[in-house]
C-alpha cells in the first residue's frame, strides 16, 4: 500500500486509481504546454501545441464529468510516469541550444506524453466497458481518439518538416 492511498482490490478500484492518475497527468500537461508553445520556433509546431493545450483543457473537464458519472470526488494522485516524462523533457529542452533541434526535441517529448496518455485512456476505456459503464467508456474513448489524432499530427510534423530542418 506504499504507493496508493487505499488498497486496489477490485477492477473498480483500479479504474478509479487510473482515472485519478490521468487527471493528474492531464493537469501537468496543461501546466507544461505553455512553455513548449513559447519555445517552439516552427509555426506549425507552435500551432499544434496551442491546439493541443485547448484540447487538453477540454479533456480535463471531460475527466471531471467522468468522476461525477462514477460517483467519485474529483481527485488526482501523483503520476510518477508523467512527472518523469516531463522532467526528462525539461532536461532535454534545457540542453538544446539550436532552435530547430529544440523543436525536434519538444516533438519527441510531446509524443512520449501522447503515448502515455493513449495507454491510460485505452485501459480506462476497457475497464469502463468491463464494469458495464458504457457511457463512461464512450467519453474516455473520445479522448483516446483525440490523443491518437494528436500523436499522428505530431508524427507528420516531425517527419515532413521539423526533423528535416533540424538535420
N, C-alpha and C. Protein backbone atom coordinates (compact mmCIF):
# COMPACT_ATOMS: atom_id res chain seq x y z
N UNK A 1 0.82 -1.19 0.00
CA UNK A 1 0.00 0.00 0.00
C UNK A 1 0.86 1.26 0.00
N UNK A 2 2.11 1.14 -0.18
CA UNK A 2 3.03 2.28 -0.10
C UNK A 2 2.72 3.37 -1.11
N UNK A 3 2.35 2.99 -2.32
CA UNK A 3 2.15 4.00 -3.36
C UNK A 3 0.71 4.50 -3.45
N UNK A 4 -0.22 3.82 -2.85
CA UNK A 4 -1.63 4.16 -3.01
C UNK A 4 -2.25 4.53 -1.69
N UNK A 5 -3.25 5.42 -1.74
CA UNK A 5 -3.90 5.83 -0.52
C UNK A 5 -4.81 4.74 0.03
N UNK A 6 -5.29 3.88 -0.83
CA UNK A 6 -6.08 2.74 -0.37
C UNK A 6 -5.73 1.55 -1.25
N UNK A 7 -5.89 0.35 -0.71
CA UNK A 7 -5.52 -0.83 -1.49
C UNK A 7 -6.40 -0.96 -2.75
N UNK A 8 -5.80 -1.45 -3.80
CA UNK A 8 -6.52 -1.70 -5.03
C UNK A 8 -6.85 -3.18 -5.04
N UNK A 9 -8.13 -3.48 -4.77
CA UNK A 9 -8.56 -4.87 -4.65
C UNK A 9 -9.47 -5.32 -5.79
N UNK A 10 -10.09 -4.36 -6.45
CA UNK A 10 -11.05 -4.70 -7.50
C UNK A 10 -10.73 -3.92 -8.77
N UNK A 11 -11.34 -4.35 -9.85
CA UNK A 11 -11.18 -3.62 -11.11
C UNK A 11 -11.73 -2.20 -10.96
N UNK A 12 -12.79 -2.06 -10.19
CA UNK A 12 -13.34 -0.72 -9.96
C UNK A 12 -12.33 0.16 -9.23
N UNK A 13 -11.64 -0.40 -8.23
CA UNK A 13 -10.59 0.35 -7.52
C UNK A 13 -9.49 0.77 -8.49
N UNK A 14 -9.10 -0.16 -9.36
CA UNK A 14 -8.06 0.14 -10.34
C UNK A 14 -8.52 1.21 -11.32
N UNK A 15 -9.78 1.13 -11.74
CA UNK A 15 -10.34 2.14 -12.62
C UNK A 15 -10.25 3.53 -11.98
N UNK A 16 -10.69 3.64 -10.74
CA UNK A 16 -10.68 4.94 -10.05
C UNK A 16 -9.25 5.44 -9.89
N UNK A 17 -8.35 4.56 -9.50
CA UNK A 17 -6.95 4.98 -9.33
C UNK A 17 -6.38 5.48 -10.67
N UNK A 18 -6.64 4.76 -11.74
CA UNK A 18 -6.12 5.14 -13.05
C UNK A 18 -6.76 6.45 -13.52
N UNK A 19 -8.02 6.64 -13.21
CA UNK A 19 -8.70 7.90 -13.52
C UNK A 19 -8.03 9.06 -12.77
N UNK A 20 -7.71 8.86 -11.52
CA UNK A 20 -7.02 9.89 -10.73
C UNK A 20 -5.62 10.15 -11.28
N UNK A 21 -4.96 9.11 -11.72
CA UNK A 21 -3.62 9.20 -12.31
C UNK A 21 -3.64 10.06 -13.58
N UNK A 22 -4.57 9.77 -14.48
CA UNK A 22 -4.60 10.52 -15.74
C UNK A 22 -5.09 11.94 -15.51
N UNK A 23 -5.91 12.15 -14.50
CA UNK A 23 -6.34 13.51 -14.16
C UNK A 23 -5.14 14.34 -13.74
N UNK A 24 -4.28 13.77 -12.91
CA UNK A 24 -3.04 14.45 -12.52
C UNK A 24 -2.19 14.72 -13.75
N UNK A 25 -2.03 13.69 -14.59
CA UNK A 25 -1.18 13.81 -15.78
C UNK A 25 -1.68 14.91 -16.70
N UNK A 26 -2.97 14.94 -16.96
CA UNK A 26 -3.52 15.97 -17.85
C UNK A 26 -3.30 17.38 -17.28
N UNK A 27 -3.45 17.52 -15.99
CA UNK A 27 -3.21 18.83 -15.38
C UNK A 27 -1.75 19.24 -15.47
N UNK A 28 -0.83 18.28 -15.38
CA UNK A 28 0.59 18.60 -15.55
C UNK A 28 0.86 19.03 -16.99
N UNK A 29 0.19 18.40 -17.92
CA UNK A 29 0.36 18.75 -19.34
C UNK A 29 -0.14 20.18 -19.58
N UNK A 30 -1.25 20.53 -18.98
CA UNK A 30 -1.79 21.90 -19.11
C UNK A 30 -0.77 22.91 -18.59
N UNK A 31 -0.05 22.57 -17.54
CA UNK A 31 0.96 23.47 -16.97
C UNK A 31 2.22 23.53 -17.84
N UNK A 32 2.53 22.46 -18.56
CA UNK A 32 3.77 22.35 -19.32
C UNK A 32 3.66 22.91 -20.74
N UNK A 33 2.52 22.74 -21.37
CA UNK A 33 2.38 23.14 -22.78
C UNK A 33 2.65 24.62 -23.04
N UNK A 34 2.27 25.56 -22.17
CA UNK A 34 2.58 26.96 -22.48
C UNK A 34 4.07 27.23 -22.68
N UNK A 35 4.93 26.55 -21.93
CA UNK A 35 6.38 26.72 -22.11
C UNK A 35 6.80 26.17 -23.47
N UNK A 36 6.24 25.05 -23.86
CA UNK A 36 6.57 24.46 -25.16
C UNK A 36 6.08 25.35 -26.29
N UNK A 37 4.91 25.95 -26.12
CA UNK A 37 4.37 26.88 -27.13
C UNK A 37 5.32 28.06 -27.27
N UNK A 38 5.75 28.58 -26.14
CA UNK A 38 6.64 29.76 -26.15
C UNK A 38 7.98 29.44 -26.81
N UNK A 39 8.50 28.25 -26.59
CA UNK A 39 9.83 27.90 -27.09
C UNK A 39 9.83 27.38 -28.53
N UNK A 40 8.67 26.96 -29.04
CA UNK A 40 8.62 26.41 -30.40
C UNK A 40 8.91 27.51 -31.42
N UNK A 41 9.82 27.21 -32.36
CA UNK A 41 10.13 28.19 -33.41
C UNK A 41 9.39 27.87 -34.70
N UNK A 42 9.03 26.60 -34.91
CA UNK A 42 8.30 26.20 -36.11
C UNK A 42 6.83 26.60 -35.94
N UNK A 43 6.29 27.42 -36.85
CA UNK A 43 4.91 27.89 -36.70
C UNK A 43 3.88 26.76 -36.65
N UNK A 44 4.09 25.71 -37.43
CA UNK A 44 3.14 24.60 -37.43
C UNK A 44 3.19 23.84 -36.10
N UNK A 45 4.38 23.69 -35.56
CA UNK A 45 4.53 23.04 -34.26
C UNK A 45 3.89 23.89 -33.17
N UNK A 46 4.16 25.18 -33.21
CA UNK A 46 3.57 26.10 -32.22
C UNK A 46 2.04 26.00 -32.27
N UNK A 47 1.50 26.00 -33.47
CA UNK A 47 0.05 25.90 -33.64
C UNK A 47 -0.49 24.57 -33.11
N UNK A 48 0.22 23.49 -33.39
CA UNK A 48 -0.20 22.17 -32.90
C UNK A 48 -0.20 22.14 -31.37
N UNK A 49 0.82 22.72 -30.76
CA UNK A 49 0.86 22.78 -29.29
C UNK A 49 -0.28 23.64 -28.74
N UNK A 50 -0.57 24.76 -29.40
CA UNK A 50 -1.67 25.62 -28.95
C UNK A 50 -3.01 24.89 -29.04
N UNK A 51 -3.22 24.19 -30.14
CA UNK A 51 -4.45 23.43 -30.32
C UNK A 51 -4.54 22.32 -29.26
N UNK A 52 -3.41 21.67 -29.00
CA UNK A 52 -3.45 20.58 -28.02
C UNK A 52 -3.66 21.11 -26.60
N UNK A 53 -3.19 22.29 -26.31
CA UNK A 53 -3.47 22.87 -24.99
C UNK A 53 -4.97 23.06 -24.82
N UNK A 54 -5.63 23.63 -25.82
CA UNK A 54 -7.09 23.82 -25.74
C UNK A 54 -7.80 22.46 -25.60
N UNK A 55 -7.35 21.49 -26.36
CA UNK A 55 -7.94 20.16 -26.31
C UNK A 55 -7.72 19.52 -24.94
N UNK A 56 -6.53 19.67 -24.39
CA UNK A 56 -6.21 19.09 -23.08
C UNK A 56 -7.06 19.74 -21.99
N UNK A 57 -7.25 21.04 -22.06
CA UNK A 57 -8.11 21.71 -21.08
C UNK A 57 -9.53 21.12 -21.15
N UNK A 58 -10.01 20.85 -22.35
CA UNK A 58 -11.32 20.22 -22.51
C UNK A 58 -11.30 18.80 -21.95
N UNK A 59 -10.21 18.09 -22.14
CA UNK A 59 -10.10 16.73 -21.62
C UNK A 59 -10.12 16.71 -20.09
N UNK A 60 -9.53 17.71 -19.47
CA UNK A 60 -9.59 17.81 -18.00
C UNK A 60 -11.04 17.96 -17.56
N UNK A 61 -11.77 18.81 -18.25
CA UNK A 61 -13.19 18.99 -17.93
C UNK A 61 -13.97 17.69 -18.15
N UNK A 62 -13.65 16.98 -19.23
CA UNK A 62 -14.31 15.70 -19.52
C UNK A 62 -14.02 14.70 -18.39
N UNK A 63 -12.79 14.68 -17.90
CA UNK A 63 -12.45 13.77 -16.80
C UNK A 63 -13.26 14.13 -15.55
N UNK A 64 -13.44 15.41 -15.31
CA UNK A 64 -14.24 15.83 -14.15
C UNK A 64 -15.67 15.34 -14.30
N UNK A 65 -16.18 15.33 -15.52
CA UNK A 65 -17.50 14.78 -15.79
C UNK A 65 -17.52 13.28 -15.48
N UNK A 66 -16.47 12.57 -15.90
CA UNK A 66 -16.38 11.13 -15.64
C UNK A 66 -16.38 10.85 -14.14
N UNK A 67 -15.63 11.63 -13.38
CA UNK A 67 -15.64 11.44 -11.92
C UNK A 67 -17.07 11.50 -11.39
N UNK A 68 -17.82 12.51 -11.84
CA UNK A 68 -19.22 12.64 -11.41
C UNK A 68 -20.07 11.47 -11.84
N UNK A 69 -19.85 10.99 -13.05
CA UNK A 69 -20.64 9.87 -13.58
C UNK A 69 -20.42 8.59 -12.78
N UNK A 70 -19.23 8.43 -12.21
CA UNK A 70 -18.94 7.21 -11.44
C UNK A 70 -19.05 7.45 -9.93
N UNK A 71 -19.55 8.62 -9.55
CA UNK A 71 -19.80 8.90 -8.14
C UNK A 71 -18.55 9.05 -7.30
N UNK A 72 -17.50 9.57 -7.90
CA UNK A 72 -16.24 9.76 -7.19
C UNK A 72 -15.90 11.25 -7.12
N UNK A 73 -15.26 11.68 -6.04
CA UNK A 73 -14.81 13.07 -5.99
C UNK A 73 -13.68 13.28 -7.00
N UNK A 74 -13.61 14.47 -7.54
CA UNK A 74 -12.52 14.81 -8.45
C UNK A 74 -11.25 14.86 -7.61
N UNK A 75 -10.33 13.97 -7.93
CA UNK A 75 -9.11 13.86 -7.14
C UNK A 75 -7.98 13.36 -8.03
N UNK A 76 -6.81 13.89 -7.81
CA UNK A 76 -5.62 13.45 -8.54
C UNK A 76 -4.71 12.68 -7.60
N UNK A 77 -4.04 11.67 -8.16
CA UNK A 77 -2.95 11.02 -7.46
C UNK A 77 -1.70 11.24 -8.30
N UNK A 78 -0.60 11.45 -7.64
CA UNK A 78 0.64 11.73 -8.34
C UNK A 78 0.96 10.63 -9.34
N UNK A 79 1.27 11.06 -10.53
CA UNK A 79 1.63 10.14 -11.61
C UNK A 79 3.13 10.25 -11.83
N UNK A 80 3.86 9.31 -11.25
CA UNK A 80 5.32 9.33 -11.36
C UNK A 80 5.77 9.22 -12.81
N UNK A 81 5.03 8.48 -13.61
CA UNK A 81 5.40 8.32 -15.02
C UNK A 81 5.35 9.67 -15.74
N UNK A 82 4.26 10.41 -15.57
CA UNK A 82 4.15 11.71 -16.25
C UNK A 82 5.17 12.69 -15.68
N UNK A 83 5.37 12.66 -14.37
CA UNK A 83 6.40 13.53 -13.79
C UNK A 83 7.76 13.23 -14.41
N UNK A 84 8.06 11.95 -14.63
CA UNK A 84 9.33 11.55 -15.23
C UNK A 84 9.45 12.00 -16.68
N UNK A 85 8.38 11.82 -17.45
CA UNK A 85 8.40 12.23 -18.86
C UNK A 85 8.60 13.74 -18.96
N UNK A 86 7.89 14.49 -18.13
CA UNK A 86 8.01 15.95 -18.16
C UNK A 86 9.38 16.41 -17.67
N UNK A 87 9.90 15.77 -16.64
CA UNK A 87 11.25 16.12 -16.15
C UNK A 87 12.30 15.87 -17.22
N UNK A 88 12.18 14.74 -17.90
CA UNK A 88 13.11 14.44 -18.98
C UNK A 88 12.98 15.47 -20.11
N UNK A 89 11.75 15.83 -20.44
CA UNK A 89 11.52 16.83 -21.49
C UNK A 89 12.17 18.15 -21.12
N UNK A 90 11.99 18.58 -19.88
CA UNK A 90 12.58 19.85 -19.43
C UNK A 90 14.11 19.79 -19.50
N UNK A 91 14.67 18.65 -19.14
CA UNK A 91 16.12 18.49 -19.18
C UNK A 91 16.64 18.59 -20.62
N UNK A 92 15.99 17.87 -21.52
CA UNK A 92 16.41 17.89 -22.93
C UNK A 92 16.22 19.28 -23.53
N UNK A 93 15.09 19.89 -23.25
CA UNK A 93 14.82 21.23 -23.76
C UNK A 93 15.87 22.22 -23.26
N UNK A 94 16.23 22.07 -21.99
CA UNK A 94 17.24 22.95 -21.42
C UNK A 94 18.62 22.75 -22.01
N UNK A 95 18.89 21.57 -22.55
CA UNK A 95 20.19 21.27 -23.14
C UNK A 95 20.31 21.67 -24.61
N UNK A 96 19.20 22.01 -25.25
CA UNK A 96 19.21 22.35 -26.69
C UNK A 96 19.55 23.82 -26.88
N UNK A 97 20.59 24.07 -27.67
CA UNK A 97 20.97 25.46 -27.95
C UNK A 97 20.54 25.89 -29.35
N UNK A 98 20.14 24.95 -30.19
CA UNK A 98 19.72 25.25 -31.55
C UNK A 98 18.19 25.18 -31.62
N UNK A 99 17.55 26.23 -32.16
CA UNK A 99 16.09 26.32 -32.18
C UNK A 99 15.45 25.17 -32.95
N UNK A 100 16.05 24.76 -34.06
CA UNK A 100 15.46 23.69 -34.86
C UNK A 100 15.58 22.34 -34.16
N UNK A 101 16.71 22.12 -33.51
CA UNK A 101 16.88 20.88 -32.75
C UNK A 101 15.94 20.90 -31.53
N UNK A 102 15.75 22.05 -30.94
CA UNK A 102 14.82 22.19 -29.83
C UNK A 102 13.42 21.79 -30.26
N UNK A 103 12.99 22.23 -31.43
CA UNK A 103 11.67 21.82 -31.94
C UNK A 103 11.58 20.31 -32.05
N UNK A 104 12.61 19.67 -32.59
CA UNK A 104 12.60 18.21 -32.72
C UNK A 104 12.56 17.55 -31.34
N UNK A 105 13.29 18.10 -30.39
CA UNK A 105 13.30 17.55 -29.03
C UNK A 105 11.92 17.68 -28.38
N UNK A 106 11.29 18.83 -28.56
CA UNK A 106 9.97 19.02 -27.97
C UNK A 106 8.94 18.11 -28.62
N UNK A 107 9.06 17.90 -29.92
CA UNK A 107 8.17 16.98 -30.61
C UNK A 107 8.33 15.56 -30.05
N UNK A 108 9.56 15.15 -29.88
CA UNK A 108 9.85 13.82 -29.33
C UNK A 108 9.23 13.69 -27.93
N UNK A 109 9.40 14.69 -27.12
CA UNK A 109 8.85 14.67 -25.76
C UNK A 109 7.33 14.67 -25.78
N UNK A 110 6.76 15.48 -26.67
CA UNK A 110 5.30 15.54 -26.77
C UNK A 110 4.73 14.19 -27.19
N UNK A 111 5.42 13.49 -28.07
CA UNK A 111 4.94 12.18 -28.48
C UNK A 111 5.05 11.16 -27.34
N UNK A 112 6.08 11.27 -26.52
CA UNK A 112 6.18 10.39 -25.35
C UNK A 112 4.98 10.61 -24.43
N UNK A 113 4.60 11.86 -24.27
CA UNK A 113 3.42 12.19 -23.45
C UNK A 113 2.17 11.59 -24.08
N UNK A 114 2.02 11.76 -25.38
CA UNK A 114 0.84 11.22 -26.07
C UNK A 114 0.75 9.71 -25.91
N UNK A 115 1.87 9.03 -26.04
CA UNK A 115 1.86 7.58 -25.95
C UNK A 115 1.45 7.13 -24.54
N UNK A 116 1.91 7.83 -23.53
CA UNK A 116 1.48 7.51 -22.17
C UNK A 116 -0.02 7.70 -22.03
N UNK A 117 -0.51 8.83 -22.53
CA UNK A 117 -1.95 9.09 -22.44
C UNK A 117 -2.76 8.03 -23.17
N UNK A 118 -2.28 7.61 -24.33
CA UNK A 118 -3.02 6.58 -25.08
C UNK A 118 -3.11 5.28 -24.29
N UNK A 119 -2.04 4.90 -23.59
CA UNK A 119 -2.12 3.66 -22.81
C UNK A 119 -3.13 3.81 -21.67
N UNK A 120 -3.11 4.96 -21.03
CA UNK A 120 -4.04 5.16 -19.91
C UNK A 120 -5.49 5.20 -20.40
N UNK A 121 -5.77 5.96 -21.44
CA UNK A 121 -7.14 6.05 -21.93
C UNK A 121 -7.62 4.73 -22.53
N UNK A 122 -6.72 3.98 -23.15
CA UNK A 122 -7.09 2.65 -23.65
C UNK A 122 -7.49 1.73 -22.51
N UNK A 123 -6.70 1.73 -21.46
CA UNK A 123 -7.01 0.90 -20.29
C UNK A 123 -8.30 1.36 -19.62
N UNK A 124 -8.44 2.65 -19.43
CA UNK A 124 -9.65 3.17 -18.79
C UNK A 124 -10.91 2.82 -19.58
N UNK A 125 -10.82 2.92 -20.90
CA UNK A 125 -11.96 2.58 -21.75
C UNK A 125 -12.31 1.11 -21.58
N UNK A 126 -11.30 0.26 -21.61
CA UNK A 126 -11.54 -1.18 -21.45
C UNK A 126 -12.11 -1.50 -20.06
N UNK A 127 -11.56 -0.87 -19.03
CA UNK A 127 -12.07 -1.09 -17.67
C UNK A 127 -13.53 -0.67 -17.58
N UNK A 128 -13.84 0.51 -18.10
CA UNK A 128 -15.22 1.02 -18.03
C UNK A 128 -16.18 0.07 -18.74
N UNK A 129 -15.78 -0.41 -19.90
CA UNK A 129 -16.65 -1.37 -20.63
C UNK A 129 -16.87 -2.64 -19.80
N UNK A 130 -15.77 -3.16 -19.23
CA UNK A 130 -15.86 -4.38 -18.43
C UNK A 130 -16.75 -4.18 -17.21
N UNK A 131 -16.73 -2.98 -16.66
CA UNK A 131 -17.53 -2.67 -15.47
C UNK A 131 -18.96 -2.28 -15.82
N UNK A 132 -19.31 -2.33 -17.10
CA UNK A 132 -20.68 -2.01 -17.52
C UNK A 132 -20.99 -0.53 -17.54
N UNK A 133 -19.96 0.28 -17.70
CA UNK A 133 -20.14 1.74 -17.72
C UNK A 133 -19.94 2.24 -19.15
N UNK A 134 -20.87 1.87 -20.01
CA UNK A 134 -20.75 2.19 -21.43
C UNK A 134 -20.69 3.67 -21.73
N UNK A 135 -21.46 4.47 -20.99
CA UNK A 135 -21.45 5.92 -21.21
C UNK A 135 -20.10 6.52 -20.83
N UNK A 136 -19.51 6.02 -19.77
CA UNK A 136 -18.18 6.46 -19.35
C UNK A 136 -17.14 6.02 -20.37
N UNK A 137 -17.25 4.78 -20.82
CA UNK A 137 -16.31 4.25 -21.82
C UNK A 137 -16.36 5.10 -23.08
N UNK A 138 -17.54 5.54 -23.48
CA UNK A 138 -17.67 6.36 -24.70
C UNK A 138 -16.92 7.68 -24.54
N UNK A 139 -17.04 8.32 -23.39
CA UNK A 139 -16.32 9.59 -23.16
C UNK A 139 -14.81 9.37 -23.15
N UNK A 140 -14.37 8.33 -22.49
CA UNK A 140 -12.94 8.05 -22.42
C UNK A 140 -12.39 7.66 -23.79
N UNK A 141 -13.19 6.94 -24.55
CA UNK A 141 -12.77 6.56 -25.90
C UNK A 141 -12.65 7.80 -26.79
N UNK A 142 -13.52 8.77 -26.59
CA UNK A 142 -13.43 10.03 -27.34
C UNK A 142 -12.07 10.69 -27.10
N UNK A 143 -11.65 10.71 -25.85
CA UNK A 143 -10.34 11.28 -25.52
C UNK A 143 -9.23 10.44 -26.12
N UNK A 144 -9.35 9.13 -26.05
CA UNK A 144 -8.35 8.25 -26.65
C UNK A 144 -8.17 8.57 -28.13
N UNK A 145 -9.25 8.77 -28.84
CA UNK A 145 -9.16 9.08 -30.26
C UNK A 145 -8.51 10.45 -30.50
N UNK A 146 -8.78 11.40 -29.62
CA UNK A 146 -8.12 12.72 -29.72
C UNK A 146 -6.61 12.57 -29.52
N UNK A 147 -6.22 11.75 -28.56
CA UNK A 147 -4.79 11.55 -28.30
C UNK A 147 -4.11 10.88 -29.48
N UNK A 148 -4.77 9.90 -30.08
CA UNK A 148 -4.22 9.25 -31.26
C UNK A 148 -4.06 10.24 -32.41
N UNK A 149 -5.06 11.10 -32.59
CA UNK A 149 -5.01 12.09 -33.66
C UNK A 149 -3.87 13.09 -33.43
N UNK A 150 -3.69 13.50 -32.19
CA UNK A 150 -2.60 14.42 -31.87
C UNK A 150 -1.25 13.75 -32.13
N UNK A 151 -1.10 12.51 -31.72
CA UNK A 151 0.14 11.79 -31.97
C UNK A 151 0.42 11.70 -33.47
N UNK A 152 -0.60 11.39 -34.23
CA UNK A 152 -0.44 11.29 -35.69
C UNK A 152 -0.03 12.64 -36.28
N UNK A 153 -0.67 13.70 -35.83
CA UNK A 153 -0.34 15.04 -36.31
C UNK A 153 1.10 15.41 -35.97
N UNK A 154 1.52 15.13 -34.75
CA UNK A 154 2.89 15.43 -34.34
C UNK A 154 3.90 14.60 -35.15
N UNK A 155 3.57 13.35 -35.40
CA UNK A 155 4.46 12.50 -36.19
C UNK A 155 4.62 13.06 -37.60
N UNK A 156 3.54 13.54 -38.18
CA UNK A 156 3.61 14.12 -39.52
C UNK A 156 4.45 15.39 -39.54
N UNK A 157 4.26 16.23 -38.55
CA UNK A 157 5.05 17.47 -38.46
C UNK A 157 6.53 17.13 -38.32
N UNK A 158 6.83 16.13 -37.49
CA UNK A 158 8.22 15.72 -37.30
C UNK A 158 8.80 15.18 -38.60
N UNK A 159 8.09 14.28 -39.22
CA UNK A 159 8.59 13.57 -40.39
C UNK A 159 8.73 14.48 -41.61
N UNK A 160 7.77 15.35 -41.81
CA UNK A 160 7.76 16.14 -43.05
C UNK A 160 8.43 17.50 -42.94
N UNK A 161 8.66 17.97 -41.70
CA UNK A 161 9.23 19.30 -41.57
C UNK A 161 10.32 19.41 -40.50
N UNK A 162 9.94 19.26 -39.27
CA UNK A 162 10.82 19.61 -38.15
C UNK A 162 12.12 18.80 -38.15
N UNK A 163 12.02 17.50 -38.30
CA UNK A 163 13.24 16.68 -38.27
C UNK A 163 14.15 16.99 -39.46
N UNK A 164 13.55 17.26 -40.62
CA UNK A 164 14.35 17.61 -41.79
C UNK A 164 15.11 18.92 -41.57
N UNK A 165 14.42 19.88 -41.00
CA UNK A 165 15.06 21.18 -40.73
C UNK A 165 16.17 21.03 -39.69
N UNK A 166 15.90 20.22 -38.66
CA UNK A 166 16.88 20.01 -37.58
C UNK A 166 18.12 19.29 -38.11
N UNK A 167 17.94 18.44 -39.11
CA UNK A 167 19.07 17.69 -39.66
C UNK A 167 19.98 18.63 -40.45
